[in-house]
Amino acid sequence: MTSARSMQRLLLVSVALLLCGADKKEPIDYDKPFIGLEVVPLADFTGFAAADLPKPPTVKGMVVTDTPAYGPACKAGVTKLSIVTTINARTMEDLESYKAALENLEPGKKVTVKFYELQNPRTPKGKPVWKSKTASVTPSTRRKSILDNIRIHGDEIEEVDFVYQKDCDNVHSRESRMYLYFSEKDGAAGQLRLCICYVASDWLFIKGFIFKHGDDSYTLPADRFNVKNDNGNGKVWEWIDIPVEDAKLYKTLVEMSQRFNVTMRYTGDQYKKDRDVSSEELAAMRTVLAAFEMMGGEVPK
């Protein structure tokens, strides 16, 4: 097994753990101290051995199964699949010690997080290696972390606002991409929407889309939308902007937003075009979904 395939397999394990826990999660307190880590005890995590990766350099610690891009830990450089060994010199023995460390957090007051990070090999045939790292993390609240990473665009005529990830450029002019946004009025989330844009020099005459993430795939067929198009200055634009009303589509978007590798296919009248969805796109989707949930958005059923 190559190191790349090992890392991909390990990522699937971590995502599976995260998604399994999603159905059992407790109600979110958006105003308590927050650093943005989902963890499991290293003693309970078998993913490294299953993926044929180097043995961790410690027997104690918490494996990071998720660290959303809007969270303080991610912004400080703590990555998914790292092993957190101490928080402010408190050793991470188990979940109880981890929760105890979180109880002492104060928004705005920095904490020191020590961890081991699994880094990619420097040569094609090499194996990933563990590296000891230290991060200075500034706790916040989940509410503030999310609000700091969105922007609101107002429509004065219809008296409604639209919520986007803060760096999202919703003008279809530069490159192929996908993003989520939703309407908002008086602090309450309205309709969640998905926008997919194809930009190139030649028409595809898009008939559908296929998303591939891990071992799963989802097909968005032509009868679900009307493709809009435009052209100029040697470029063509084909795009859709549709409400997310289907439970399976919503679940697919949630799962995609929590992965590292997603490939999408634009299926045309005669031809097709594949591209990797960027990590920035996935992180932006994750942020919008978090804001949608925080603001009481109705999840399709």
Protein backbone atom coordinates (compact mmCIF):
# COMPACT_ATOMS: atom_id res chain seq x y z
CA MET A 1 0.00 0.00 0.00
CA THR A 2 1.44 3.37 -0.96
CA SER A 3 1.69 6.15 1.57
CA ALA A 4 -0.85 8.24 -0.39
CA ARG A 5 -3.38 5.42 -0.31
CA SER A 6 -2.62 4.88 3.37
CA MET A 7 -3.36 8.52 4.14
CA GLN A 8 -6.59 8.39 2.11
CA ARG A 9 -7.70 5.28 3.98
CA LEU A 10 -6.93 6.91 7.30
CA LEU A 11 -8.93 10.00 6.33
CA LEU A 12 -11.90 7.77 5.53
CA VAL A 13 -11.62 6.24 9.00
CA SER A 14 -11.61 9.65 10.67
CA VAL A 15 -14.58 10.87 8.60
CA ALA A 16 -16.50 7.71 9.40
CA LEU A 17 -15.92 8.30 13.12
CA LEU A 18 -17.08 11.88 12.79
CA LEU A 19 -20.22 11.02 10.81
CA CYS A 20 -21.14 8.17 13.17
CA GLY A 21 -21.02 10.60 16.04
CA ALA A 22 -23.11 13.18 14.20
CA ASP A 23 -26.34 11.31 14.88
CA LYS A 24 -25.54 11.13 18.61
CA LYS A 25 -24.22 14.62 19.25
CA GLU A 26 -25.63 16.70 22.05
CA PRO A 27 -27.27 20.09 21.43
CA ILE A 28 -24.62 22.67 20.66
CA ASP A 29 -23.92 25.47 23.12
CA TYR A 30 -22.78 28.23 20.79
CA ASP A 31 -21.69 30.57 23.58
CA LYS A 32 -19.36 28.45 25.69
CA PRO A 33 -15.55 28.55 25.15
CA PHE A 34 -14.60 26.83 21.90
CA ILE A 35 -11.31 25.80 20.27
CA GLY A 36 -12.71 23.74 17.40
CA LEU A 37 -11.52 20.17 17.94
CA GLU A 38 -13.35 16.86 17.70
CA VAL A 39 -11.27 14.11 19.29
CA VAL A 40 -11.17 10.46 20.32
CA PRO A 41 -8.69 8.87 22.73
CA LEU A 42 -5.58 7.49 21.04
CA ALA A 43 -6.08 4.24 22.96
CA ASP A 44 -9.42 3.74 21.17
CA PHE A 45 -8.19 4.71 17.69
CA THR A 46 -6.98 1.90 15.42
CA GLY A 47 -6.82 3.89 12.20
CA PHE A 48 -3.05 4.35 12.06
CA ALA A 49 -2.34 0.61 12.20
CA ALA A 50 -5.22 -0.18 9.83
CA ALA A 51 -3.80 2.24 7.27
CA ASP A 52 -0.27 0.79 7.58
CA LEU A 53 1.15 4.06 8.87
CA PRO A 54 3.98 4.66 11.36
CA LYS A 55 3.28 3.88 14.99
CA PRO A 56 2.45 7.04 16.96
CA PRO A 57 5.35 8.32 19.09
CA THR A 58 3.13 8.42 22.19
CA VAL A 59 0.65 6.13 23.92
CA LYS A 60 -1.32 8.98 25.46
CA GLY A 61 -3.21 11.71 23.68
CA MET A 62 -6.34 12.62 21.77
CA VAL A 63 -6.61 11.98 18.02
CA VAL A 64 -8.11 14.93 16.15
CA THR A 65 -10.90 13.53 13.98
CA ASP A 66 -12.11 16.96 12.91
CA THR A 67 -11.03 20.58 13.05
CA PRO A 68 -13.37 22.89 11.10
CA ALA A 69 -11.72 25.73 9.20
CA TYR A 70 -13.67 28.37 11.13
CA GLY A 71 -12.34 27.08 14.47
CA PRO A 72 -9.44 28.63 16.43
CA ALA A 73 -7.39 25.40 16.47
CA CYS A 74 -7.41 25.04 12.70
CA LYS A 75 -6.43 28.67 12.28
CA ALA A 76 -3.52 28.08 14.68
CA GLY A 77 -2.28 25.12 12.61
CA VAL A 78 -3.69 22.06 14.39
CA THR A 79 -4.59 19.57 11.66
CA LYS A 80 -6.92 16.63 11.36
CA LEU A 81 -5.39 13.30 12.49
CA SER A 82 -2.89 15.02 14.75
CA ILE A 83 -2.43 13.65 18.29
CA VAL A 84 -2.91 16.31 20.98
CA THR A 85 -0.73 15.46 23.99
CA THR A 86 -1.11 18.52 26.23
CA ILE A 87 -3.27 21.63 26.55
CA ASN A 88 -1.63 24.27 28.77
CA ALA A 89 0.70 21.57 30.15
CA ARG A 90 -2.24 19.33 31.14
CA THR A 91 -1.58 15.82 29.81
CA MET A 92 -4.35 14.36 27.69
CA GLU A 93 -4.87 11.00 29.40
CA ASP A 94 -8.47 10.40 28.31
CA LEU A 95 -11.72 12.18 27.47
CA GLU A 96 -12.13 13.29 31.08
CA SER A 97 -8.78 15.08 31.11
CA TYR A 98 -9.58 16.65 27.73
CA LYS A 99 -12.96 17.91 28.97
CA ALA A 100 -11.32 19.22 32.13
CA ALA A 101 -8.87 21.23 30.01
CA LEU A 102 -11.75 22.71 28.03
CA GLU A 103 -13.51 23.76 31.22
CA ASN A 104 -10.62 26.11 31.98
CA LEU A 105 -10.71 27.88 28.63
CA GLU A 106 -11.50 31.58 28.46
CA PRO A 107 -12.44 33.30 25.17
CA GLY A 108 -9.58 35.54 24.09
CA LYS A 109 -7.03 33.99 26.46
CA LYS A 110 -4.41 31.97 24.56
CA VAL A 111 -3.61 28.37 25.40
CA THR A 112 -0.63 26.26 24.36
CA VAL A 113 -1.45 23.04 22.51
CA LYS A 114 1.28 20.45 21.96
CA PHE A 115 0.65 17.75 19.40
CA TYR A 116 2.19 15.29 16.94
CA GLU A 117 1.39 15.82 13.27
CA LEU A 118 1.60 13.13 10.61
CA GLN A 119 3.43 14.74 7.70
CA ASN A 120 3.61 13.54 4.10
CA PRO A 121 6.85 11.87 2.95
CA ARG A 122 9.44 13.88 1.04
CA THR A 123 9.94 11.13 -1.54
CA PRO A 124 7.33 9.13 -3.54
CA LYS A 125 8.37 5.85 -1.89
CA GLY A 126 8.76 7.26 1.58
CA LYS A 127 6.34 6.97 4.46
CA PRO A 128 4.71 9.76 6.43
CA VAL A 129 6.59 10.81 9.55
CA TRP A 130 5.48 12.14 12.92
CA LYS A 131 6.64 15.61 13.91
CA SER A 132 6.27 17.29 17.29
CA LYS A 133 4.59 20.71 17.06
CA THR A 134 3.27 23.45 19.32
CA ALA A 135 0.41 25.85 18.57
CA SER A 136 -0.83 28.94 20.36
CA VAL A 137 -4.61 28.76 20.18
CA THR A 138 -6.94 31.62 21.10
CA PRO A 139 -10.29 30.21 22.25
CA SER A 140 -13.47 31.93 21.19
CA THR A 141 -17.10 30.85 21.20
CA ARG A 142 -18.55 28.76 18.41
CA ARG A 143 -21.01 31.56 17.62
CA LYS A 144 -18.29 34.20 17.22
CA SER A 145 -16.06 31.80 15.27
CA ILE A 146 -18.83 31.18 12.76
CA LEU A 147 -19.94 34.82 12.54
CA ASP A 148 -16.33 35.93 11.95
CA ASN A 149 -16.19 33.65 8.91
CA ILE A 150 -19.36 34.66 7.07
CA ARG A 151 -20.52 37.76 5.28
CA ILE A 152 -24.06 39.02 4.74
CA HIS A 153 -25.18 40.61 1.50
CA GLY A 154 -28.42 42.57 1.71
CA ASP A 155 -31.11 42.83 -0.96
CA GLU A 156 -32.83 46.13 -0.18
CA ILE A 157 -35.63 45.61 -2.72
CA GLU A 158 -36.76 42.22 -1.42
CA GLU A 159 -35.74 43.10 2.15
CA VAL A 160 -33.84 39.88 2.65
CA ASP A 161 -30.20 39.09 3.37
CA PHE A 162 -28.03 36.33 1.92
CA VAL A 163 -25.30 34.62 3.94
CA TYR A 164 -22.03 33.51 2.29
CA GLN A 165 -18.67 32.32 3.55
CA LYS A 166 -16.68 35.53 4.01
CA ASP A 167 -14.23 34.92 1.12
CA CYS A 168 -16.84 33.61 -1.32
CA ASP A 169 -16.98 35.57 -4.57
CA ASN A 170 -20.53 35.02 -5.82
CA VAL A 171 -19.83 36.64 -9.20
CA HIS A 172 -19.48 33.95 -11.89
CA SER A 173 -16.46 35.36 -13.67
CA ARG A 174 -13.23 33.67 -12.71
CA GLU A 175 -13.14 29.88 -12.46
CA SER A 176 -15.20 26.74 -12.09
CA ARG A 177 -16.38 26.31 -8.53
CA MET A 178 -19.22 25.43 -6.21
CA TYR A 179 -20.52 27.08 -3.06
CA LEU A 180 -23.44 27.22 -0.64
CA TYR A 181 -25.38 30.20 0.65
CA PHE A 182 -28.74 30.84 2.28
CA SER A 183 -31.30 33.56 2.81
CA GLU A 184 -31.67 35.15 6.22
CA LYS A 185 -34.23 37.50 7.75
CA ASP A 186 -34.30 38.83 11.30
CA GLY A 187 -31.55 36.41 12.32
CA ALA A 188 -33.36 33.28 11.10
CA ALA A 189 -32.07 31.10 8.26
CA GLY A 190 -34.27 30.62 5.23
CA GLN A 191 -33.61 28.58 2.09
CA LEU A 192 -30.23 26.87 1.69
CA ARG A 193 -28.98 27.01 -1.91
CA LEU A 194 -26.27 25.32 -3.96
CA CYS A 195 -24.47 27.09 -6.78
CA ILE A 196 -22.21 25.25 -9.26
CA CYS A 197 -20.42 27.18 -11.98
CA TYR A 198 -18.44 25.90 -14.97
CA VAL A 199 -16.03 28.34 -16.65
CA ALA A 200 -14.06 27.38 -19.76
CA SER A 201 -13.32 28.33 -23.35
CA ASP A 202 -15.73 25.78 -24.89
CA TRP A 203 -19.33 24.82 -24.15
CA LEU A 204 -20.17 21.55 -22.41
CA PHE A 205 -23.97 22.01 -22.52
CA ILE A 206 -24.21 20.53 -19.04
CA LYS A 207 -26.80 17.83 -18.41
CA GLY A 208 -25.81 16.77 -14.90
CA PHE A 209 -23.19 16.51 -12.16
CA ILE A 210 -21.59 13.61 -10.32
CA PHE A 211 -19.81 13.98 -6.97
CA LYS A 212 -17.32 11.33 -5.85
CA HIS A 213 -16.14 11.34 -2.24
CA GLY A 214 -14.45 8.31 -0.76
CA ASP A 215 -16.38 5.22 -1.77
CA ASP A 216 -19.60 7.18 -2.22
CA SER A 217 -21.00 9.07 -5.20
CA TYR A 218 -24.03 11.24 -5.84
CA THR A 219 -25.59 12.15 -9.17
CA LEU A 220 -27.44 15.43 -9.63
CA PRO A 221 -29.53 14.82 -12.78
CA ALA A 222 -30.64 17.31 -15.40
CA ASP A 223 -34.32 17.17 -14.48
CA ARG A 224 -33.53 18.81 -11.13
CA PHE A 225 -32.48 22.18 -12.51
CA ASN A 226 -32.25 24.60 -15.43
CA VAL A 227 -28.72 25.44 -16.52
CA LYS A 228 -28.07 29.12 -17.12
CA ASN A 229 -25.33 30.26 -19.49
CA ASP A 230 -23.44 33.26 -20.79
CA ASN A 231 -20.31 34.00 -22.80
CA GLY A 232 -17.87 36.79 -23.55
CA ASN A 233 -14.17 37.64 -23.87
CA GLY A 234 -13.34 34.12 -24.99
CA LYS A 235 -15.05 32.45 -22.02
CA VAL A 236 -18.27 30.53 -21.51
CA TRP A 237 -20.21 30.21 -18.28
CA GLU A 238 -22.67 27.47 -17.42
CA TRP A 239 -24.16 27.42 -13.93
CA ILE A 240 -26.99 26.33 -11.69
CA ASP A 241 -28.37 27.97 -8.54
CA ILE A 242 -30.82 25.60 -6.88
CA PRO A 243 -32.53 25.15 -3.50
CA VAL A 244 -31.27 22.26 -1.38
CA GLU A 245 -34.61 20.57 -0.71
CA ASP A 246 -33.64 16.90 -0.97
CA ALA A 247 -32.45 15.07 2.18
CA LYS A 248 -29.96 12.95 0.24
CA LEU A 249 -28.40 15.98 -1.44
CA TYR A 250 -28.14 17.76 1.90
CA LYS A 251 -26.47 14.74 3.51
CA THR A 252 -24.07 14.49 0.56
CA LEU A 253 -23.08 18.14 0.92
CA VAL A 254 -22.48 17.69 4.66
CA GLU A 255 -20.30 14.62 4.08
CA MET A 256 -18.38 16.29 1.24
CA SER A 257 -17.66 19.35 3.37
CA GLN A 258 -15.93 17.14 5.96
CA ARG A 259 -13.58 15.41 3.52
CA PHE A 260 -10.19 16.29 2.07
CA ASN A 261 -10.71 14.82 -1.40
CA VAL A 262 -13.83 15.30 -3.52
CA THR A 263 -13.99 14.96 -7.29
CA MET A 264 -16.86 16.28 -9.37
CA ARG A 265 -17.81 15.59 -12.96
CA TYR A 266 -19.58 18.01 -15.25
CA THR A 267 -21.55 15.79 -17.63
CA GLY A 268 -22.16 17.50 -20.96
CA ASP A 269 -24.21 16.81 -24.08
CA GLN A 270 -21.31 14.94 -25.70
CA TYR A 271 -18.31 15.47 -23.43
CA LYS A 272 -17.46 15.49 -19.75
CA LYS A 273 -15.05 17.35 -17.51
CA ASP A 274 -13.68 16.27 -14.12
CA ARG A 275 -12.08 18.45 -11.49
CA ASP A 276 -11.03 18.20 -7.85
CA VAL A 277 -13.06 20.37 -5.51
CA SER A 278 -10.56 22.55 -3.67
CA SER A 279 -10.02 22.38 0.07
CA GLU A 280 -11.02 26.06 0.22
CA GLU A 281 -14.37 25.28 -1.40
CA LEU A 282 -15.02 22.41 1.02
CA ALA A 283 -14.07 24.52 4.03
CA ALA A 284 -16.36 27.32 2.86
CA MET A 285 -19.24 24.86 2.48
CA ARG A 286 -18.59 23.59 6.02
CA THR A 287 -18.72 27.14 7.38
CA VAL A 288 -22.00 27.97 5.63
CA LEU A 289 -23.59 24.73 6.83
CA ALA A 290 -22.50 25.54 10.39
CA ALA A 291 -24.03 29.03 10.11
CA PHE A 292 -27.21 27.56 8.59
CA GLU A 293 -27.57 25.18 11.55
CA MET A 294 -26.73 27.86 14.12
CA MET A 295 -29.37 30.20 12.70
CA GLY A 296 -32.08 27.55 12.85
CA GLY A 297 -32.10 26.42 9.23
CA GLU A 298 -34.55 23.63 8.44
CA VAL A 299 -32.76 20.46 7.39
CA PRO A 300 -34.48 18.66 4.45
CA LYS A 301 -36.15 15.38 5.37
